[in-house]
Amino acid sequence: MYDCLITFRSITRAQRGQELLERIGISCGLHRTPSLLAQQGCGYAVSLPSAQARTAREALRQNEIQFQRVYLRESGVYRELSL
C-alpha cells in the first residue's frame, strides 16, 4: 500500500526520483500532488510505502534530486514527516 508521498516542483524531478527509487528496488507511483499539499500551484508526487520513506529520502539526497516534502497519509489525512 502506498501511504507516503514525496512531493516535487516539476514533472522532470518527479520522474527522475521515480526512476531512481525503482532502480534501487522501491516500488512507487507518479502522479499530481493533491491540491491540499501543493504549495505553489501544481506539482508532482511519488507515492511509496511508508516503510521505505527514509531510504527513499536518503537516496534522493545522495543523488541530488531535489524534492519538497515527505508526507504520510493516515486515515485519509496527510501529515508532514520530519525524517
PDB file of N, CA and C in Angstrom:
ATOM      1  N   MET A   1       0.842  -1.183   0.000  1.00  0.00           N
ATOM      2  CA  MET A   1       0.000   0.000   0.000  1.00  0.00           C
ATOM      3  C   MET A   1       0.886   1.243   0.000  1.00  0.00           C
ATOM      4  N   TYR A   2       0.569   2.196  -0.853  1.00  0.00           N
ATOM      5  CA  TYR A   2       1.305   3.449  -0.924  1.00  0.00           C
ATOM      6  C   TYR A   2       0.678   4.452   0.027  1.00  0.00           C
ATOM      7  N   ASP A   3       1.327   4.692   1.142  1.00  0.00           N
ATOM      8  CA  ASP A   3       0.779   5.599   2.142  1.00  0.00           C
ATOM      9  C   ASP A   3       1.722   6.755   2.457  1.00  0.00           C
ATOM     10  N   CYS A   4       2.708   6.955   1.592  1.00  0.00           N
ATOM     11  CA  CYS A   4       3.670   8.033   1.771  1.00  0.00           C
ATOM     12  C   CYS A   4       3.804   8.780   0.453  1.00  0.00           C
ATOM     13  N   LEU A   5       3.948  10.098   0.513  1.00  0.00           N
ATOM     14  CA  LEU A   5       4.143  10.929  -0.676  1.00  0.00           C
ATOM     15  C   LEU A   5       5.410  11.753  -0.526  1.00  0.00           C
ATOM     16  N   ILE A   6       6.181  11.810  -1.596  1.00  0.00           N
ATOM     17  CA  ILE A   6       7.310  12.729  -1.668  1.00  0.00           C
ATOM     18  C   ILE A   6       6.964  13.699  -2.784  1.00  0.00           C
ATOM     19  N   THR A   7       6.924  14.980  -2.470  1.00  0.00           N
ATOM     20  CA  THR A   7       6.489  15.971  -3.458  1.00  0.00           C
ATOM     21  C   THR A   7       7.681  16.635  -4.142  1.00  0.00           C
ATOM     22  N   PHE A   8       7.443  17.020  -5.394  1.00  0.00           N
ATOM     23  CA  PHE A   8       8.442  17.660  -6.246  1.00  0.00           C
ATOM     24  C   PHE A   8       7.794  18.865  -6.927  1.00  0.00           C
ATOM     25  N   ARG A   9       8.600  19.834  -7.331  1.00  0.00           N
ATOM     26  CA  ARG A   9       8.059  21.012  -8.016  1.00  0.00           C
ATOM     27  C   ARG A   9       7.821  20.787  -9.492  1.00  0.00           C
ATOM     28  N   SER A  10       8.528  19.831 -10.084  1.00  0.00           N
ATOM     29  CA  SER A  10       8.376  19.647 -11.526  1.00  0.00           C
ATOM     30  C   SER A  10       8.210  18.169 -11.877  1.00  0.00           C
ATOM     31  N   ILE A  11       7.625  17.944 -13.021  1.00  0.00           N
ATOM     32  CA  ILE A  11       7.451  16.582 -13.514  1.00  0.00           C
ATOM     33  C   ILE A  11       8.808  15.935 -13.777  1.00  0.00           C
ATOM     34  N   THR A  12       9.782  16.708 -14.251  1.00  0.00           N
ATOM     35  CA  THR A  12      11.105  16.162 -14.547  1.00  0.00           C
ATOM     36  C   THR A  12      11.766  15.637 -13.284  1.00  0.00           C
ATOM     37  N   ARG A  13      11.739  16.409 -12.224  1.00  0.00           N
ATOM     38  CA  ARG A  13      12.331  15.951 -10.955  1.00  0.00           C
ATOM     39  C   ARG A  13      11.596  14.736 -10.411  1.00  0.00           C
ATOM     40  N   ALA A  14      10.280  14.759 -10.507  1.00  0.00           N
ATOM     41  CA  ALA A  14       9.494  13.623 -10.025  1.00  0.00           C
ATOM     42  C   ALA A  14       9.817  12.366 -10.835  1.00  0.00           C
ATOM     43  N   GLN A  15       9.953  12.492 -12.145  1.00  0.00           N
ATOM     44  CA  GLN A  15      10.296  11.341 -12.983  1.00  0.00           C
ATOM     45  C   GLN A  15      11.681  10.813 -12.642  1.00  0.00           C
ATOM     46  N   ARG A  16      12.631  11.707 -12.442  1.00  0.00           N
ATOM     47  CA  ARG A  16      13.983  11.282 -12.055  1.00  0.00           C
ATOM     48  C   ARG A  16      13.950  10.566 -10.704  1.00  0.00           C
ATOM     49  N   GLY A  17      13.167  11.118  -9.785  1.00  0.00           N
ATOM     50  CA  GLY A  17      13.022  10.485  -8.483  1.00  0.00           C
ATOM     51  C   GLY A  17      12.413   9.102  -8.586  1.00  0.00           C
ATOM     52  N   GLN A  18      11.360   8.984  -9.373  1.00  0.00           N
ATOM     53  CA  GLN A  18      10.707   7.689  -9.552  1.00  0.00           C
ATOM     54  C   GLN A  18      11.678   6.682 -10.171  1.00  0.00           C
ATOM     55  N   GLU A  19      12.396   7.085 -11.183  1.00  0.00           N
ATOM     56  CA  GLU A  19      13.352   6.186 -11.842  1.00  0.00           C
ATOM     57  C   GLU A  19      14.423   5.711 -10.870  1.00  0.00           C
ATOM     58  N   LEU A  20      14.957   6.626 -10.078  1.00  0.00           N
ATOM     59  CA  LEU A  20      15.975   6.261  -9.094  1.00  0.00           C
ATOM     60  C   LEU A  20      15.414   5.269  -8.078  1.00  0.00           C
ATOM     61  N   LEU A  21      14.253   5.579  -7.522  1.00  0.00           N
ATOM     62  CA  LEU A  21      13.679   4.715  -6.496  1.00  0.00           C
ATOM     63  C   LEU A  21      13.376   3.329  -7.035  1.00  0.00           C
ATOM     64  N   GLU A  22      12.853   3.259  -8.234  1.00  0.00           N
ATOM     65  CA  GLU A  22      12.583   1.943  -8.818  1.00  0.00           C
ATOM     66  C   GLU A  22      13.876   1.194  -9.096  1.00  0.00           C
ATOM     67  N   ARG A  23      14.917   1.914  -9.486  1.00  0.00           N
ATOM     68  CA  ARG A  23      16.206   1.290  -9.765  1.00  0.00           C
ATOM     69  C   ARG A  23      16.809   0.657  -8.502  1.00  0.00           C
ATOM     70  N   ILE A  24      16.552   1.261  -7.337  1.00  0.00           N
ATOM     71  CA  ILE A  24      17.084   0.704  -6.098  1.00  0.00           C
ATOM     72  C   ILE A  24      16.088  -0.234  -5.402  1.00  0.00           C
ATOM     73  N   GLY A  25      15.001  -0.546  -6.089  1.00  0.00           N
ATOM     74  CA  GLY A  25      14.072  -1.552  -5.588  1.00  0.00           C
ATOM     75  C   GLY A  25      12.901  -1.059  -4.777  1.00  0.00           C
ATOM     76  N   ILE A  26      12.612   0.233  -4.828  1.00  0.00           N
ATOM     77  CA  ILE A  26      11.447   0.775  -4.124  1.00  0.00           C
ATOM     78  C   ILE A  26      10.318   0.960  -5.122  1.00  0.00           C
ATOM     79  N   SER A  27       9.240   0.220  -4.940  1.00  0.00           N
ATOM     80  CA  SER A  27       8.070   0.327  -5.805  1.00  0.00           C
ATOM     81  C   SER A  27       7.361   1.647  -5.510  1.00  0.00           C
ATOM     82  N   CYS A  28       7.041   2.402  -6.571  1.00  0.00           N
ATOM     83  CA  CYS A  28       6.402   3.695  -6.359  1.00  0.00           C
ATOM     84  C   CYS A  28       5.546   4.078  -7.569  1.00  0.00           C
ATOM     85  N   GLY A  29       4.689   5.055  -7.360  1.00  0.00           N
ATOM     86  CA  GLY A  29       3.833   5.577  -8.417  1.00  0.00           C
ATOM     87  C   GLY A  29       4.037   7.068  -8.566  1.00  0.00           C
ATOM     88  N   LEU A  30       3.783   7.593  -9.756  1.00  0.00           N
ATOM     89  CA  LEU A  30       3.951   9.016 -10.052  1.00  0.00           C
ATOM     90  C   LEU A  30       2.596   9.616 -10.388  1.00  0.00           C
ATOM     91  N   HIS A  31       2.279  10.758  -9.789  1.00  0.00           N
ATOM     92  CA  HIS A  31       1.003  11.424 -10.071  1.00  0.00           C
ATOM     93  C   HIS A  31       1.069  12.880  -9.628  1.00  0.00           C
ATOM     94  N   ARG A  32       0.022  13.630  -9.899  1.00  0.00           N
ATOM     95  CA  ARG A  32      -0.063  15.035  -9.471  1.00  0.00           C
ATOM     96  C   ARG A  32      -0.158  15.089  -7.954  1.00  0.00           C
ATOM     97  N   THR A  33       0.446  16.123  -7.386  1.00  0.00           N
ATOM     98  CA  THR A  33       0.346  16.339  -5.947  1.00  0.00           C
ATOM     99  C   THR A  33      -1.100  16.727  -5.612  1.00  0.00           C
ATOM    100  N   PRO A  34      -1.697  16.121  -4.582  1.00  0.00           N
ATOM    101  CA  PRO A  34      -3.040  16.541  -4.180  1.00  0.00           C
ATOM    102  C   PRO A  34      -3.064  18.049  -3.923  1.00  0.00           C
ATOM    103  N   SER A  35      -4.108  18.706  -4.353  1.00  0.00           N
ATOM    104  CA  SER A  35      -4.170  20.171  -4.286  1.00  0.00           C
ATOM    105  C   SER A  35      -3.970  20.714  -2.874  1.00  0.00           C
ATOM    106  N   LEU A  36      -4.401  19.996  -1.859  1.00  0.00           N
ATOM    107  CA  LEU A  36      -4.230  20.497  -0.496  1.00  0.00           C
ATOM    108  C   LEU A  36      -2.764  20.473  -0.049  1.00  0.00           C
ATOM    109  N   LEU A  37      -1.903  19.774  -0.787  1.00  0.00           N
ATOM    110  CA  LEU A  37      -0.483  19.720  -0.445  1.00  0.00           C
ATOM    111  C   LEU A  37       0.392  20.545  -1.382  1.00  0.00           C
ATOM    112  N   ALA A  38      -0.151  20.952  -2.515  1.00  0.00           N
ATOM    113  CA  ALA A  38       0.631  21.715  -3.491  1.00  0.00           C
ATOM    114  C   ALA A  38       0.837  23.126  -2.958  1.00  0.00           C
ATOM    115  N   GLN A  39       2.088  23.470  -2.664  1.00  0.00           N
ATOM    116  CA  GLN A  39       2.365  24.751  -2.035  1.00  0.00           C
ATOM    117  C   GLN A  39       2.441  25.903  -3.022  1.00  0.00           C
ATOM    118  N   GLN A  40       2.873  25.634  -4.231  1.00  0.00           N
ATOM    119  CA  GLN A  40       2.994  26.705  -5.217  1.00  0.00           C
ATOM    120  C   GLN A  40       2.285  26.291  -6.495  1.00  0.00           C
ATOM    121  N   GLY A  41       0.997  26.063  -6.381  1.00  0.00           N
ATOM    122  CA  GLY A  41       0.237  25.644  -7.549  1.00  0.00           C
ATOM    123  C   GLY A  41       0.408  24.162  -7.798  1.00  0.00           C
ATOM    124  N   CYS A  42       0.678  23.828  -9.035  1.00  0.00           N
ATOM    125  CA  CYS A  42       0.772  22.417  -9.394  1.00  0.00           C
ATOM    126  C   CYS A  42       2.097  21.836  -8.934  1.00  0.00           C
ATOM    127  N   GLY A  43       2.147  20.550  -8.899  1.00  0.00           N
ATOM    128  CA  GLY A  43       3.337  19.817  -8.521  1.00  0.00           C
ATOM    129  C   GLY A  43       3.094  18.348  -8.779  1.00  0.00           C
ATOM    130  N   TYR A  44       4.111  17.572  -8.565  1.00  0.00           N
ATOM    131  CA  TYR A  44       4.020  16.133  -8.781  1.00  0.00           C
ATOM    132  C   TYR A  44       4.536  15.418  -7.558  1.00  0.00           C
ATOM    133  N   ALA A  45       4.095  14.183  -7.388  1.00  0.00           N
ATOM    134  CA  ALA A  45       4.475  13.412  -6.218  1.00  0.00           C
ATOM    135  C   ALA A  45       4.763  11.975  -6.608  1.00  0.00           C
ATOM    136  N   VAL A  46       5.621  11.370  -5.825  1.00  0.00           N
ATOM    137  CA  VAL A  46       5.894   9.947  -5.929  1.00  0.00           C
ATOM    138  C   VAL A  46       5.295   9.322  -4.679  1.00  0.00           C
ATOM    139  N   SER A  47       4.472   8.308  -4.858  1.00  0.00           N
ATOM    140  CA  SER A  47       3.879   7.609  -3.721  1.00  0.00           C
ATOM    141  C   SER A  47       4.614   6.292  -3.516  1.00  0.00           C
ATOM    142  N   LEU A  48       4.773   5.922  -2.254  1.00  0.00           N
ATOM    143  CA  LEU A  48       5.515   4.717  -1.914  1.00  0.00           C
ATOM    144  C   LEU A  48       5.103   4.240  -0.530  1.00  0.00           C
ATOM    145  N   PRO A  49       5.502   3.019  -0.164  1.00  0.00           N
ATOM    146  CA  PRO A  49       5.185   2.536   1.187  1.00  0.00           C
ATOM    147  C   PRO A  49       5.952   3.340   2.234  1.00  0.00           C
ATOM    148  N   SER A  50       5.302   3.658   3.340  1.00  0.00           N
ATOM    149  CA  SER A  50       5.949   4.465   4.382  1.00  0.00           C
ATOM    150  C   SER A  50       7.184   3.786   4.952  1.00  0.00           C
ATOM    151  N   ALA A  51       7.238   2.477   4.927  1.00  0.00           N
ATOM    152  CA  ALA A  51       8.411   1.761   5.437  1.00  0.00           C
ATOM    153  C   ALA A  51       9.667   2.090   4.632  1.00  0.00           C
ATOM    154  N   GLN A  52       9.499   2.583   3.414  1.00  0.00           N
ATOM    155  CA  GLN A  52      10.623   2.914   2.551  1.00  0.00           C
ATOM    156  C   GLN A  52      10.936   4.414   2.519  1.00  0.00           C
ATOM    157  N   ALA A  53      10.226   5.217   3.290  1.00  0.00           N
ATOM    158  CA  ALA A  53      10.363   6.681   3.222  1.00  0.00           C
ATOM    159  C   ALA A  53      11.772   7.159   3.542  1.00  0.00           C
ATOM    160  N   ARG A  54      12.365   6.660   4.597  1.00  0.00           N
ATOM    161  CA  ARG A  54      13.701   7.119   4.994  1.00  0.00           C
ATOM    162  C   ARG A  54      14.739   6.744   3.944  1.00  0.00           C
ATOM    163  N   THR A  55      14.672   5.526   3.448  1.00  0.00           N
ATOM    164  CA  THR A  55      15.598   5.073   2.407  1.00  0.00           C
ATOM    165  C   THR A  55      15.431   5.900   1.145  1.00  0.00           C
ATOM    166  N   ALA A  56      14.193   6.172   0.769  1.00  0.00           N
ATOM    167  CA  ALA A  56      13.910   6.962  -0.432  1.00  0.00           C
ATOM    168  C   ALA A  56      14.460   8.376  -0.284  1.00  0.00           C
ATOM    169  N   ARG A  57      14.210   8.986   0.848  1.00  0.00           N
ATOM    170  CA  ARG A  57      14.702  10.347   1.083  1.00  0.00           C
ATOM    171  C   ARG A  57      16.220  10.412   0.987  1.00  0.00           C
ATOM    172  N   GLU A  58      16.897   9.478   1.600  1.00  0.00           N
ATOM    173  CA  GLU A  58      18.358   9.469   1.562  1.00  0.00           C
ATOM    174  C   GLU A  58      18.882   9.240   0.148  1.00  0.00           C
ATOM    175  N   ALA A  59      18.252   8.353  -0.600  1.00  0.00           N
ATOM    176  CA  ALA A  59      18.677   8.092  -1.980  1.00  0.00           C
ATOM    177  C   ALA A  59      18.506   9.333  -2.846  1.00  0.00           C
ATOM    178  N   LEU A  60      17.389  10.034  -2.683  1.00  0.00           N
ATOM    179  CA  LEU A  60      17.162  11.268  -3.444  1.00  0.00           C
ATOM    180  C   LEU A  60      18.211  12.314  -3.102  1.00  0.00           C
ATOM    181  N   ARG A  61      18.506  12.467  -1.836  1.00  0.00           N
ATOM    182  CA  ARG A  61      19.518  13.450  -1.416  1.00  0.00           C
ATOM    183  C   ARG A  61      20.902  13.085  -1.938  1.00  0.00           C
ATOM    184  N   GLN A  62      21.276  11.828  -1.815  1.00  0.00           N
ATOM    185  CA  GLN A  62      22.600  11.393  -2.269  1.00  0.00           C
ATOM    186  C   GLN A  62      22.771  11.574  -3.775  1.00  0.00           C
ATOM    187  N   ASN A  63      21.678  11.471  -4.510  1.00  0.00           N
ATOM    188  CA  ASN A  63      21.730  11.614  -5.965  1.00  0.00           C
ATOM    189  C   ASN A  63      21.333  13.017  -6.423  1.00  0.00           C
ATOM    190  N   GLU A  64      21.220  13.938  -5.466  1.00  0.00           N
ATOM    191  CA  GLU A  64      20.939  15.348  -5.726  1.00  0.00           C
ATOM    192  C   GLU A  64      19.679  15.583  -6.554  1.00  0.00           C
ATOM    193  N   ILE A  65      18.657  14.803  -6.236  1.00  0.00           N
ATOM    194  CA  ILE A  65      17.341  15.007  -6.855  1.00  0.00           C
ATOM    195  C   ILE A  65      16.505  15.789  -5.838  1.00  0.00           C
ATOM    196  N   GLN A  66      16.234  17.046  -6.157  1.00  0.00           N
ATOM    197  CA  GLN A  66      15.539  17.921  -5.224  1.00  0.00           C
ATOM    198  C   GLN A  66      14.070  17.556  -5.098  1.00  0.00           C
ATOM    199  N   PHE A  67      13.627  17.486  -3.875  1.00  0.00           N
ATOM    200  CA  PHE A  67      12.212  17.259  -3.578  1.00  0.00           C
ATOM    201  C   PHE A  67      11.785  18.296  -2.565  1.00  0.00           C
ATOM    202  N   GLN A  68      10.471  18.405  -2.356  1.00  0.00           N
ATOM    203  CA  GLN A  68       9.970  19.419  -1.427  1.00  0.00           C
ATOM    204  C   GLN A  68       9.746  18.844  -0.037  1.00  0.00           C
ATOM    205  N   ARG A  69       8.783  17.955   0.087  1.00  0.00           N
ATOM    206  CA  ARG A  69       8.414  17.445   1.403  1.00  0.00           C
ATOM    207  C   ARG A  69       8.046  15.960   1.320  1.00  0.00           C
ATOM    208  N   VAL A  70       8.003  15.346   2.506  1.00  0.00           N
ATOM    209  CA  VAL A  70       7.600  13.945   2.624  1.00  0.00           C
ATOM    210  C   VAL A  70       6.372  13.919   3.529  1.00  0.00           C
ATOM    211  N   TYR A  71       5.310  13.262   3.068  1.00  0.00           N
ATOM    212  CA  TYR A  71       4.048  13.193   3.821  1.00  0.00           C
ATOM    213  C   TYR A  71       3.644  11.747   4.053  1.00  0.00           C
ATOM    214  N   LEU A  72       2.996  11.508   5.169  1.00  0.00           N
ATOM    215  CA  LEU A  72       2.405  10.226   5.490  1.00  0.00           C
ATOM    216  C   LEU A  72       0.890  10.401   5.495  1.00  0.00           C
ATOM    217  N   ARG A  73       0.186   9.447   4.872  1.00  0.00           N
ATOM    218  CA  ARG A  73      -1.283   9.502   4.865  1.00  0.00           C
ATOM    219  C   ARG A  73      -1.809   8.488   5.866  1.00  0.00           C
ATOM    220  N   GLU A  74      -2.550   8.985   6.851  1.00  0.00           N
ATOM    221  CA  GLU A  74      -3.182   8.155   7.862  1.00  0.00           C
ATOM    222  C   GLU A  74      -4.653   8.495   7.929  1.00  0.00           C
ATOM    223  N   SER A  75      -5.496   7.521   7.710  1.00  0.00           N
ATOM    224  CA  SER A  75      -6.952   7.719   7.741  1.00  0.00           C
ATOM    225  C   SER A  75      -7.388   8.841   6.818  1.00  0.00           C
ATOM    226  N   GLY A  76      -6.759   8.946   5.650  1.00  0.00           N
ATOM    227  CA  GLY A  76      -7.123   9.948   4.659  1.00  0.00           C
ATOM    228  C   GLY A  76      -6.578  11.335   4.915  1.00  0.00           C
ATOM    229  N   VAL A  77      -5.783  11.507   5.969  1.00  0.00           N
ATOM    230  CA  VAL A  77      -5.223  12.813   6.323  1.00  0.00           C
ATOM    231  C   VAL A  77      -3.714  12.759   6.150  1.00  0.00           C
ATOM    232  N   TYR A  78      -3.150  13.802   5.515  1.00  0.00           N
ATOM    233  CA  TYR A  78      -1.699  13.870   5.317  1.00  0.00           C
ATOM    234  C   TYR A  78      -1.045  14.650   6.441  1.00  0.00           C
ATOM    235  N   ARG A  79       0.100  14.153   6.886  1.00  0.00           N
ATOM    236  CA  ARG A  79       0.900  14.925   7.836  1.00  0.00           C
ATOM    237  C   ARG A  79       2.359  14.839   7.374  1.00  0.00           C
ATOM    238  N   GLU A  80       3.046  15.941   7.512  1.00  0.00           N
ATOM    239  CA  GLU A  80       4.430  16.000   7.056  1.00  0.00           C
ATOM    240  C   GLU A  80       5.324  15.204   7.987  1.00  0.00           C
ATOM    241  N   LEU A  81       6.216  14.439   7.391  1.00  0.00           N
ATOM    242  CA  LEU A  81       7.195  13.681   8.176  1.00  0.00           C
ATOM    243  C   LEU A  81       8.494  14.474   8.257  1.00  0.00           C
ATOM    244  N   SER A  82       9.106  14.441   9.397  1.00  0.00           N
ATOM    245  CA  SER A  82      10.423  15.055   9.546  1.00  0.00           C
ATOM    246  C   SER A  82      11.401  13.917   9.804  1.00  0.00           C
ATOM    247  N   LEU A  83      11.931  13.379   8.729  1.00  0.00           N
ATOM    248  CA  LEU A  83      12.838  12.239   8.822  1.00  0.00           C
ATOM    249  C   LEU A  83      14.253  12.679   9.076  1.00  0.00           C
TER     250      LEU A  83
END
